[in-house]
Amino acid sequence: MQKTSGEGGEGVRSVLRALDLLALFDETHRSRTVRELIDESGLAKSTVVRLVATLEQRGLLWSRGDGRGACSQSTSRKVRPSPRARFRTPESVAPNTTTGSTRLK
């Protein structure tokens, strides 16, 4: 797999931003314009356009003929955590006391 991230964890930040964009699609907002994604996310236009293009390439978003983007309901549900989900840090993840970050054992 080709590395697409920059230095300093930019790849992880990009993934989080892409997931945040996908989470903006819900049952009341099944499609959105780029302007709506910019306004709702607070991200720069260039960032949103780049992320939307990547999500379209991967088949997670698609452009409609009316200038709006859409994603499947199953995709939008998957990117939003369930309110019933109970997240625990797995034992295989240990906090780094020096940097405060976590690393897999």
N, C-alpha and C. Protein backbone atom coordinates (compact mmCIF):
# COMPACT_ATOMS: atom_id res chain seq x y z
N MET A 1 0.85 -1.18 0.00
CA MET A 1 0.00 0.00 0.00
C MET A 1 0.89 1.23 0.00
N GLN A 2 0.57 2.20 -0.79
CA GLN A 2 1.35 3.42 -0.89
C GLN A 2 1.05 4.32 0.29
N LYS A 3 2.10 4.89 0.87
CA LYS A 3 1.93 5.80 1.99
C LYS A 3 1.41 7.13 1.48
N THR A 4 0.32 7.62 2.07
CA THR A 4 -0.26 8.87 1.61
C THR A 4 -0.22 9.96 2.66
N SER A 5 0.33 9.64 3.80
CA SER A 5 0.33 10.64 4.87
C SER A 5 1.60 11.47 4.83
N GLY A 6 1.50 12.66 5.37
CA GLY A 6 2.66 13.51 5.51
C GLY A 6 3.29 13.26 6.86
N GLU A 7 4.25 14.07 7.19
CA GLU A 7 4.89 13.93 8.49
C GLU A 7 3.97 14.45 9.58
N GLY A 8 4.16 13.95 10.78
CA GLY A 8 3.42 14.46 11.91
C GLY A 8 2.00 13.94 12.03
N GLY A 9 1.70 12.79 11.43
CA GLY A 9 0.37 12.21 11.59
C GLY A 9 -0.70 12.84 10.74
N GLU A 10 -0.34 13.51 9.66
CA GLU A 10 -1.35 14.14 8.81
C GLU A 10 -2.28 13.13 8.18
N GLY A 11 -1.77 11.90 7.93
CA GLY A 11 -2.60 10.85 7.36
C GLY A 11 -3.74 10.48 8.30
N VAL A 12 -3.44 10.39 9.57
CA VAL A 12 -4.46 10.07 10.56
C VAL A 12 -5.47 11.20 10.63
N ARG A 13 -5.00 12.42 10.60
CA ARG A 13 -5.90 13.57 10.63
C ARG A 13 -6.80 13.57 9.41
N SER A 14 -6.27 13.21 8.26
CA SER A 14 -7.07 13.14 7.04
C SER A 14 -8.15 12.08 7.15
N VAL A 15 -7.81 10.94 7.73
CA VAL A 15 -8.80 9.88 7.91
C VAL A 15 -9.93 10.37 8.82
N LEU A 16 -9.57 11.01 9.92
CA LEU A 16 -10.59 11.52 10.84
C LEU A 16 -11.47 12.56 10.16
N ARG A 17 -10.87 13.42 9.38
CA ARG A 17 -11.64 14.44 8.67
C ARG A 17 -12.59 13.80 7.65
N ALA A 18 -12.10 12.80 6.94
CA ALA A 18 -12.95 12.11 5.96
C ALA A 18 -14.13 11.43 6.66
N LEU A 19 -13.87 10.79 7.79
CA LEU A 19 -14.95 10.16 8.55
C LEU A 19 -15.93 11.20 9.06
N ASP A 20 -15.41 12.34 9.49
CA ASP A 20 -16.30 13.42 9.94
C ASP A 20 -17.20 13.90 8.81
N LEU A 21 -16.66 14.00 7.59
CA LEU A 21 -17.49 14.40 6.45
C LEU A 21 -18.58 13.37 6.19
N LEU A 22 -18.21 12.10 6.21
CA LEU A 22 -19.20 11.05 5.98
C LEU A 22 -20.29 11.06 7.06
N ALA A 23 -19.91 11.39 8.28
CA ALA A 23 -20.88 11.43 9.38
C ALA A 23 -21.91 12.55 9.21
N LEU A 24 -21.62 13.52 8.34
CA LEU A 24 -22.57 14.60 8.10
C LEU A 24 -23.77 14.13 7.28
N PHE A 25 -23.65 12.98 6.65
CA PHE A 25 -24.75 12.41 5.89
C PHE A 25 -25.57 11.55 6.84
N ASP A 26 -26.85 11.86 6.96
CA ASP A 26 -27.72 11.08 7.84
C ASP A 26 -29.09 10.98 7.19
N GLU A 27 -30.03 10.49 7.94
CA GLU A 27 -31.36 10.26 7.37
C GLU A 27 -32.06 11.55 6.95
N THR A 28 -31.73 12.67 7.58
CA THR A 28 -32.34 13.94 7.17
C THR A 28 -31.49 14.67 6.13
N HIS A 29 -30.24 14.28 5.98
CA HIS A 29 -29.33 14.88 5.00
C HIS A 29 -28.69 13.76 4.18
N ARG A 30 -29.48 13.18 3.30
CA ARG A 30 -28.97 12.06 2.49
C ARG A 30 -28.02 12.52 1.40
N SER A 31 -28.09 13.80 1.05
CA SER A 31 -27.16 14.37 0.08
C SER A 31 -26.78 15.77 0.56
N ARG A 32 -25.60 16.20 0.16
CA ARG A 32 -25.11 17.52 0.56
C ARG A 32 -24.27 18.10 -0.57
N THR A 33 -24.22 19.43 -0.61
CA THR A 33 -23.33 20.12 -1.54
C THR A 33 -21.97 20.28 -0.88
N VAL A 34 -20.98 20.60 -1.67
CA VAL A 34 -19.65 20.88 -1.12
C VAL A 34 -19.74 22.06 -0.16
N ARG A 35 -20.52 23.06 -0.49
CA ARG A 35 -20.68 24.23 0.37
C ARG A 35 -21.25 23.82 1.73
N GLU A 36 -22.24 22.92 1.74
CA GLU A 36 -22.80 22.44 3.00
C GLU A 36 -21.76 21.69 3.82
N LEU A 37 -20.95 20.88 3.14
CA LEU A 37 -19.90 20.14 3.85
C LEU A 37 -18.87 21.10 4.45
N ILE A 38 -18.54 22.15 3.71
CA ILE A 38 -17.60 23.16 4.21
C ILE A 38 -18.18 23.85 5.43
N ASP A 39 -19.42 24.31 5.31
CA ASP A 39 -20.07 25.04 6.41
C ASP A 39 -20.24 24.18 7.65
N GLU A 40 -20.65 22.93 7.47
CA GLU A 40 -20.91 22.05 8.61
C GLU A 40 -19.63 21.54 9.26
N SER A 41 -18.61 21.32 8.46
CA SER A 41 -17.36 20.76 9.00
C SER A 41 -16.41 21.82 9.52
N GLY A 42 -16.49 23.03 8.95
CA GLY A 42 -15.54 24.06 9.33
C GLY A 42 -14.19 23.90 8.66
N LEU A 43 -14.08 22.97 7.73
CA LEU A 43 -12.83 22.74 7.02
C LEU A 43 -12.71 23.69 5.83
N ALA A 44 -11.50 23.89 5.38
CA ALA A 44 -11.25 24.73 4.21
C ALA A 44 -11.82 24.07 2.96
N LYS A 45 -12.21 24.90 2.00
CA LYS A 45 -12.78 24.39 0.76
C LYS A 45 -11.83 23.41 0.07
N SER A 46 -10.55 23.75 0.01
CA SER A 46 -9.59 22.86 -0.67
C SER A 46 -9.51 21.50 0.02
N THR A 47 -9.60 21.49 1.33
CA THR A 47 -9.56 20.23 2.08
C THR A 47 -10.79 19.40 1.79
N VAL A 48 -11.96 20.02 1.82
CA VAL A 48 -13.21 19.31 1.56
C VAL A 48 -13.22 18.76 0.14
N VAL A 49 -12.82 19.56 -0.83
CA VAL A 49 -12.80 19.11 -2.23
C VAL A 49 -11.86 17.92 -2.38
N ARG A 50 -10.69 17.98 -1.77
CA ARG A 50 -9.73 16.89 -1.84
C ARG A 50 -10.27 15.61 -1.18
N LEU A 51 -10.87 15.76 0.00
CA LEU A 51 -11.43 14.60 0.70
C LEU A 51 -12.60 14.00 -0.06
N VAL A 52 -13.47 14.85 -0.59
CA VAL A 52 -14.62 14.36 -1.36
C VAL A 52 -14.12 13.58 -2.58
N ALA A 53 -13.12 14.09 -3.27
CA ALA A 53 -12.58 13.39 -4.44
C ALA A 53 -12.03 12.02 -4.05
N THR A 54 -11.32 11.95 -2.94
CA THR A 54 -10.79 10.67 -2.47
C THR A 54 -11.91 9.71 -2.09
N LEU A 55 -12.92 10.20 -1.39
CA LEU A 55 -14.04 9.36 -0.99
C LEU A 55 -14.81 8.86 -2.22
N GLU A 56 -14.91 9.70 -3.25
CA GLU A 56 -15.56 9.27 -4.49
C GLU A 56 -14.73 8.19 -5.18
N GLN A 57 -13.41 8.36 -5.21
CA GLN A 57 -12.53 7.36 -5.83
C GLN A 57 -12.66 6.01 -5.15
N ARG A 58 -12.90 6.01 -3.86
CA ARG A 58 -13.02 4.78 -3.08
C ARG A 58 -14.45 4.24 -3.03
N GLY A 59 -15.38 4.95 -3.67
CA GLY A 59 -16.75 4.47 -3.74
C GLY A 59 -17.57 4.70 -2.48
N LEU A 60 -17.10 5.58 -1.60
CA LEU A 60 -17.83 5.87 -0.37
C LEU A 60 -18.78 7.05 -0.53
N LEU A 61 -18.53 7.88 -1.53
CA LEU A 61 -19.39 9.01 -1.88
C LEU A 61 -19.55 8.99 -3.39
N TRP A 62 -20.64 9.52 -3.87
CA TRP A 62 -20.78 9.69 -5.31
C TRP A 62 -21.50 10.99 -5.60
N SER A 63 -21.17 11.56 -6.75
CA SER A 63 -21.78 12.83 -7.17
C SER A 63 -23.07 12.54 -7.90
N ARG A 64 -24.08 13.31 -7.56
CA ARG A 64 -25.35 13.22 -8.27
C ARG A 64 -25.36 14.26 -9.39
N GLY A 65 -26.29 14.15 -10.29
CA GLY A 65 -26.37 15.08 -11.41
C GLY A 65 -26.72 16.50 -11.02
N ASP A 66 -27.25 16.69 -9.81
CA ASP A 66 -27.66 18.02 -9.37
C ASP A 66 -26.59 18.76 -8.57
N GLY A 67 -25.35 18.26 -8.59
CA GLY A 67 -24.26 18.94 -7.88
C GLY A 67 -24.15 18.57 -6.41
N ARG A 68 -24.92 17.60 -5.99
CA ARG A 68 -24.87 17.16 -4.60
C ARG A 68 -24.14 15.83 -4.51
N GLY A 69 -23.53 15.59 -3.36
CA GLY A 69 -22.89 14.31 -3.11
C GLY A 69 -23.76 13.48 -2.19
N ALA A 70 -23.64 12.18 -2.30
CA ALA A 70 -24.43 11.28 -1.46
C ALA A 70 -23.59 10.08 -1.06
N CYS A 71 -23.96 9.46 0.04
CA CYS A 71 -23.34 8.20 0.43
C CYS A 71 -24.45 7.26 0.87
N SER A 72 -24.13 5.99 0.91
CA SER A 72 -25.15 5.02 1.28
C SER A 72 -25.49 5.16 2.76
N GLN A 73 -26.69 4.75 3.12
CA GLN A 73 -27.09 4.80 4.53
C GLN A 73 -26.19 3.92 5.37
N SER A 74 -25.80 2.76 4.84
CA SER A 74 -24.95 1.87 5.63
C SER A 74 -23.59 2.50 5.89
N THR A 75 -23.06 3.23 4.93
CA THR A 75 -21.77 3.91 5.14
C THR A 75 -21.91 4.99 6.20
N SER A 76 -22.95 5.81 6.10
CA SER A 76 -23.10 6.90 7.07
C SER A 76 -23.34 6.36 8.47
N ARG A 77 -24.03 5.23 8.58
CA ARG A 77 -24.25 4.63 9.91
C ARG A 77 -22.96 4.08 10.49
N LYS A 78 -22.11 3.53 9.65
CA LYS A 78 -20.87 2.92 10.11
C LYS A 78 -19.88 3.94 10.67
N VAL A 79 -19.92 5.16 10.19
CA VAL A 79 -18.95 6.15 10.64
C VAL A 79 -19.39 6.89 11.90
N ARG A 80 -20.65 6.71 12.30
CA ARG A 80 -21.13 7.33 13.53
C ARG A 80 -21.18 6.27 14.62
N PRO A 81 -20.52 6.51 15.74
CA PRO A 81 -20.56 5.52 16.81
C PRO A 81 -21.97 5.36 17.36
N SER A 82 -22.32 4.16 17.67
CA SER A 82 -23.61 3.88 18.26
C SER A 82 -23.64 4.42 19.68
N PRO A 83 -24.75 5.03 20.10
CA PRO A 83 -24.82 5.52 21.48
C PRO A 83 -24.74 4.38 22.49
N ARG A 84 -25.02 3.16 22.04
CA ARG A 84 -24.95 2.01 22.94
C ARG A 84 -23.56 1.39 22.99
N ALA A 85 -22.68 1.84 22.09
CA ALA A 85 -21.34 1.24 22.04
C ALA A 85 -20.56 1.55 23.30
N ARG A 86 -19.86 0.59 23.76
CA ARG A 86 -19.00 0.76 24.92
C ARG A 86 -17.57 0.57 24.46
N PHE A 87 -16.85 1.65 24.40
CA PHE A 87 -15.48 1.58 23.93
C PHE A 87 -14.53 1.40 25.09
N ARG A 88 -13.67 0.43 24.94
CA ARG A 88 -12.63 0.19 25.94
C ARG A 88 -11.30 0.17 25.22
N THR A 89 -10.28 0.61 25.89
CA THR A 89 -8.95 0.51 25.31
C THR A 89 -8.50 -0.94 25.45
N PRO A 90 -8.17 -1.60 24.34
CA PRO A 90 -7.72 -2.98 24.43
C PRO A 90 -6.44 -3.07 25.26
N GLU A 91 -6.25 -4.22 25.89
CA GLU A 91 -5.05 -4.41 26.70
C GLU A 91 -3.79 -4.33 25.85
N SER A 92 -3.92 -4.59 24.55
CA SER A 92 -2.75 -4.56 23.67
C SER A 92 -2.29 -3.15 23.36
N VAL A 93 -3.01 -2.15 23.82
CA VAL A 93 -2.62 -0.75 23.61
C VAL A 93 -2.12 -0.21 24.94
N ALA A 94 -0.86 0.19 24.93
CA ALA A 94 -0.26 0.69 26.17
C ALA A 94 0.04 2.17 26.02
N PRO A 95 -0.31 2.98 27.01
CA PRO A 95 0.02 4.41 26.92
C PRO A 95 1.52 4.61 27.06
N ASN A 96 2.04 5.55 26.30
CA ASN A 96 3.44 5.92 26.40
C ASN A 96 3.52 7.04 27.42
N THR A 97 4.15 6.79 28.53
CA THR A 97 4.19 7.78 29.60
C THR A 97 5.05 8.98 29.26
N THR A 98 5.95 8.83 28.31
CA THR A 98 6.81 9.95 27.92
C THR A 98 6.08 10.94 27.02
N THR A 99 5.40 10.41 26.00
CA THR A 99 4.76 11.29 25.02
C THR A 99 3.25 11.41 25.22
N GLY A 100 2.68 10.50 25.97
CA GLY A 100 1.23 10.52 26.13
C GLY A 100 0.48 9.82 25.03
N SER A 101 1.20 9.35 24.01
CA SER A 101 0.54 8.64 22.92
C SER A 101 0.40 7.17 23.26
N THR A 102 -0.33 6.46 22.43
CA THR A 102 -0.49 5.02 22.64
C THR A 102 0.16 4.26 21.51
N ARG A 103 0.66 3.10 21.81
CA ARG A 103 1.26 2.24 20.80
C ARG A 103 0.80 0.82 21.04
N LEU A 104 0.68 0.09 19.97
CA LEU A 104 0.33 -1.32 20.09
C LEU A 104 1.51 -2.07 20.66
N LYS A 105 1.23 -3.02 21.54
CA LYS A 105 2.31 -3.84 22.10
C LYS A 105 2.75 -4.86 21.09
